[in-house]
Amino acid sequence: MNTPANRFVLIGLLALTLAQTAHARDLDQDEALRLRREGVIQPLETLMQPAMQRYPNATLLEAELEEEDDVLVYEIELLTQQGQVRELELDARDGRILKDEEDD
């Protein structure tokens, strides 16, 4: 079924890539699925609710699961109704919004 929650899951899983950076490590989709099955992280579609309440009718542009300083975070980019791109970081365990800023 083509629902917003299903689109978030699909886009989120498609956006997961494996890359190394100095401060963050992107997790691939297999690792993300394993962590979700083990209950270490919450599903992206569940954690998106606070962000979508903050930015109603926003469009999800990108989602990545990263490990930053031993904290698992979903880094998401939203396009707001006003045409602004917002970059948010959500704690993958509980959904707390850790960062919310305009993307350059």
C-alpha atoms as a PDB file:
ATOM      1  CA  MET A   1       0.000   0.000   0.000  1.00  0.00           C
ATOM      2  CA  ASN A   2       1.317   3.454  -0.865  1.00  0.00           C
ATOM      3  CA  THR A   3       1.088   5.328   2.438  1.00  0.00           C
ATOM      4  CA  PRO A   4       3.321   8.142   3.769  1.00  0.00           C
ATOM      5  CA  ALA A   5       4.785   5.759   6.368  1.00  0.00           C
ATOM      6  CA  ASN A   6       5.669   3.216   3.677  1.00  0.00           C
ATOM      7  CA  ARG A   7       7.259   5.939   1.557  1.00  0.00           C
ATOM      8  CA  PHE A   8       9.374   7.056   4.546  1.00  0.00           C
ATOM      9  CA  VAL A   9      10.601   3.501   5.065  1.00  0.00           C
ATOM     10  CA  LEU A  10      11.377   2.995   1.397  1.00  0.00           C
ATOM     11  CA  ILE A  11      13.122   6.340   0.974  1.00  0.00           C
ATOM     12  CA  GLY A  12      14.998   5.883   4.234  1.00  0.00           C
ATOM     13  CA  LEU A  13      16.251   2.442   3.306  1.00  0.00           C
ATOM     14  CA  LEU A  14      17.206   3.553  -0.185  1.00  0.00           C
ATOM     15  CA  ALA A  15      19.146   6.502   1.210  1.00  0.00           C
ATOM     16  CA  LEU A  16      21.250   4.411   3.590  1.00  0.00           C
ATOM     17  CA  THR A  17      24.804   4.101   2.304  1.00  0.00           C
ATOM     18  CA  LEU A  18      28.106   2.850   3.619  1.00  0.00           C
ATOM     19  CA  ALA A  19      30.776   5.547   3.881  1.00  0.00           C
ATOM     20  CA  GLN A  20      33.413   6.587   6.366  1.00  0.00           C
ATOM     21  CA  THR A  21      33.904  10.139   7.640  1.00  0.00           C
ATOM     22  CA  ALA A  22      36.046  11.627  10.366  1.00  0.00           C
ATOM     23  CA  HIS A  23      33.204  12.069  12.858  1.00  0.00           C
ATOM     24  CA  ALA A  24      30.366   9.893  11.641  1.00  0.00           C
ATOM     25  CA  ARG A  25      29.912   6.471  10.156  1.00  0.00           C
ATOM     26  CA  ASP A  26      26.981   5.781   7.847  1.00  0.00           C
ATOM     27  CA  LEU A  27      25.359   2.403   8.430  1.00  0.00           C
ATOM     28  CA  ASP A  28      24.253   0.289   5.490  1.00  0.00           C
ATOM     29  CA  GLN A  29      20.719  -1.061   5.166  1.00  0.00           C
ATOM     30  CA  ASP A  30      21.633  -4.540   6.432  1.00  0.00           C
ATOM     31  CA  GLU A  31      23.083  -3.114   9.628  1.00  0.00           C
ATOM     32  CA  ALA A  32      20.088  -0.793  10.032  1.00  0.00           C
ATOM     33  CA  LEU A  33      17.659  -3.685   9.638  1.00  0.00           C
ATOM     34  CA  ARG A  34      19.607  -5.789  12.144  1.00  0.00           C
ATOM     35  CA  LEU A  35      19.590  -2.971  14.726  1.00  0.00           C
ATOM     36  CA  ARG A  36      15.873  -2.479  14.186  1.00  0.00           C
ATOM     37  CA  ARG A  37      15.133  -6.216  14.587  1.00  0.00           C
ATOM     38  CA  GLU A  38      17.208  -6.286  17.778  1.00  0.00           C
ATOM     39  CA  GLY A  39      15.260  -3.314  19.163  1.00  0.00           C
ATOM     40  CA  VAL A  40      18.343  -1.092  19.374  1.00  0.00           C
ATOM     41  CA  ILE A  41      16.760   1.560  17.136  1.00  0.00           C
ATOM     42  CA  GLN A  42      13.192   2.539  16.396  1.00  0.00           C
ATOM     43  CA  PRO A  43      11.691   2.443  12.889  1.00  0.00           C
ATOM     44  CA  LEU A  44      12.256   5.648  10.954  1.00  0.00           C
ATOM     45  CA  GLU A  45       8.542   6.017  10.195  1.00  0.00           C
ATOM     46  CA  THR A  46       7.789   6.092  13.935  1.00  0.00           C
ATOM     47  CA  LEU A  47      10.482   8.643  14.701  1.00  0.00           C
ATOM     48  CA  MET A  48       9.426  10.908  11.831  1.00  0.00           C
ATOM     49  CA  GLN A  49       6.219  11.921  13.628  1.00  0.00           C
ATOM     50  CA  PRO A  50       7.724  14.740  15.777  1.00  0.00           C
ATOM     51  CA  ALA A  51       9.572  16.147  12.768  1.00  0.00           C
ATOM     52  CA  MET A  52       6.423  16.079  10.645  1.00  0.00           C
ATOM     53  CA  GLN A  53       4.467  17.771  13.435  1.00  0.00           C
ATOM     54  CA  ARG A  54       7.116  20.504  13.513  1.00  0.00           C
ATOM     55  CA  TYR A  55       6.975  20.834   9.694  1.00  0.00           C
ATOM     56  CA  PRO A  56       3.477  19.779   8.558  1.00  0.00           C
ATOM     57  CA  ASN A  57       3.222  18.526   4.976  1.00  0.00           C
ATOM     58  CA  ALA A  58       6.999  18.581   4.525  1.00  0.00           C
ATOM     59  CA  THR A  59       8.563  16.215   2.008  1.00  0.00           C
ATOM     60  CA  LEU A  60      11.305  13.819   3.040  1.00  0.00           C
ATOM     61  CA  LEU A  61      14.280  14.362   0.720  1.00  0.00           C
ATOM     62  CA  GLU A  62      16.908  12.128   2.293  1.00  0.00           C
ATOM     63  CA  ALA A  63      17.465   9.907   5.311  1.00  0.00           C
ATOM     64  CA  GLU A  64      20.618   8.240   6.598  1.00  0.00           C
ATOM     65  CA  LEU A  65      21.371   6.241   9.696  1.00  0.00           C
ATOM     66  CA  GLU A  66      24.702   7.269  11.186  1.00  0.00           C
ATOM     67  CA  GLU A  67      26.780   6.545  14.238  1.00  0.00           C
ATOM     68  CA  GLU A  68      28.184   9.767  15.669  1.00  0.00           C
ATOM     69  CA  ASP A  69      30.329   9.551  18.800  1.00  0.00           C
ATOM     70  CA  ASP A  70      28.713   6.207  19.718  1.00  0.00           C
ATOM     71  CA  VAL A  71      25.179   7.611  19.256  1.00  0.00           C
ATOM     72  CA  LEU A  72      22.927   6.238  16.509  1.00  0.00           C
ATOM     73  CA  VAL A  73      21.117   9.056  14.715  1.00  0.00           C
ATOM     74  CA  TYR A  74      18.859   9.385  11.725  1.00  0.00           C
ATOM     75  CA  GLU A  75      19.964  12.392   9.709  1.00  0.00           C
ATOM     76  CA  ILE A  76      17.047  13.560   7.609  1.00  0.00           C
ATOM     77  CA  GLU A  77      16.444  16.394   5.183  1.00  0.00           C
ATOM     78  CA  LEU A  78      12.963  17.826   4.801  1.00  0.00           C
ATOM     79  CA  LEU A  79      11.596  20.271   2.252  1.00  0.00           C
ATOM     80  CA  THR A  80       9.066  22.454   4.065  1.00  0.00           C
ATOM     81  CA  GLN A  81       5.927  23.879   2.489  1.00  0.00           C
ATOM     82  CA  GLN A  82       7.728  27.234   2.441  1.00  0.00           C
ATOM     83  CA  GLY A  83      10.458  25.766   0.220  1.00  0.00           C
ATOM     84  CA  GLN A  84      13.106  25.640   2.949  1.00  0.00           C
ATOM     85  CA  VAL A  85      15.366  22.579   3.317  1.00  0.00           C
ATOM     86  CA  ARG A  86      15.773  21.570   6.967  1.00  0.00           C
ATOM     87  CA  GLU A  87      18.405  19.137   8.235  1.00  0.00           C
ATOM     88  CA  LEU A  88      17.395  17.296  11.377  1.00  0.00           C
ATOM     89  CA  GLU A  89      19.141  14.692  13.479  1.00  0.00           C
ATOM     90  CA  LEU A  90      16.914  12.314  15.426  1.00  0.00           C
ATOM     91  CA  ASP A  91      18.149  10.002  18.161  1.00  0.00           C
ATOM     92  CA  ALA A  92      17.476   6.586  16.601  1.00  0.00           C
ATOM     93  CA  ARG A  93      16.642   5.081  19.999  1.00  0.00           C
ATOM     94  CA  ASP A  94      13.918   7.462  21.139  1.00  0.00           C
ATOM     95  CA  GLY A  95      13.300  10.038  18.403  1.00  0.00           C
ATOM     96  CA  ARG A  96      14.519  13.096  20.297  1.00  0.00           C
ATOM     97  CA  ILE A  97      15.358  15.881  17.878  1.00  0.00           C
ATOM     98  CA  LEU A  98      19.069  16.486  18.452  1.00  0.00           C
ATOM     99  CA  LYS A  99      19.576  19.061  15.714  1.00  0.00           C
ATOM    100  CA  ASP A 100      17.322  21.165  13.538  1.00  0.00           C
ATOM    101  CA  GLU A 101      18.866  23.693  11.191  1.00  0.00           C
ATOM    102  CA  GLU A 102      18.428  25.142   7.758  1.00  0.00           C
ATOM    103  CA  ASP A 103      20.496  23.226   5.212  1.00  0.00           C
ATOM    104  CA  ASP A 104      22.816  25.315   3.057  1.00  0.00           C
END
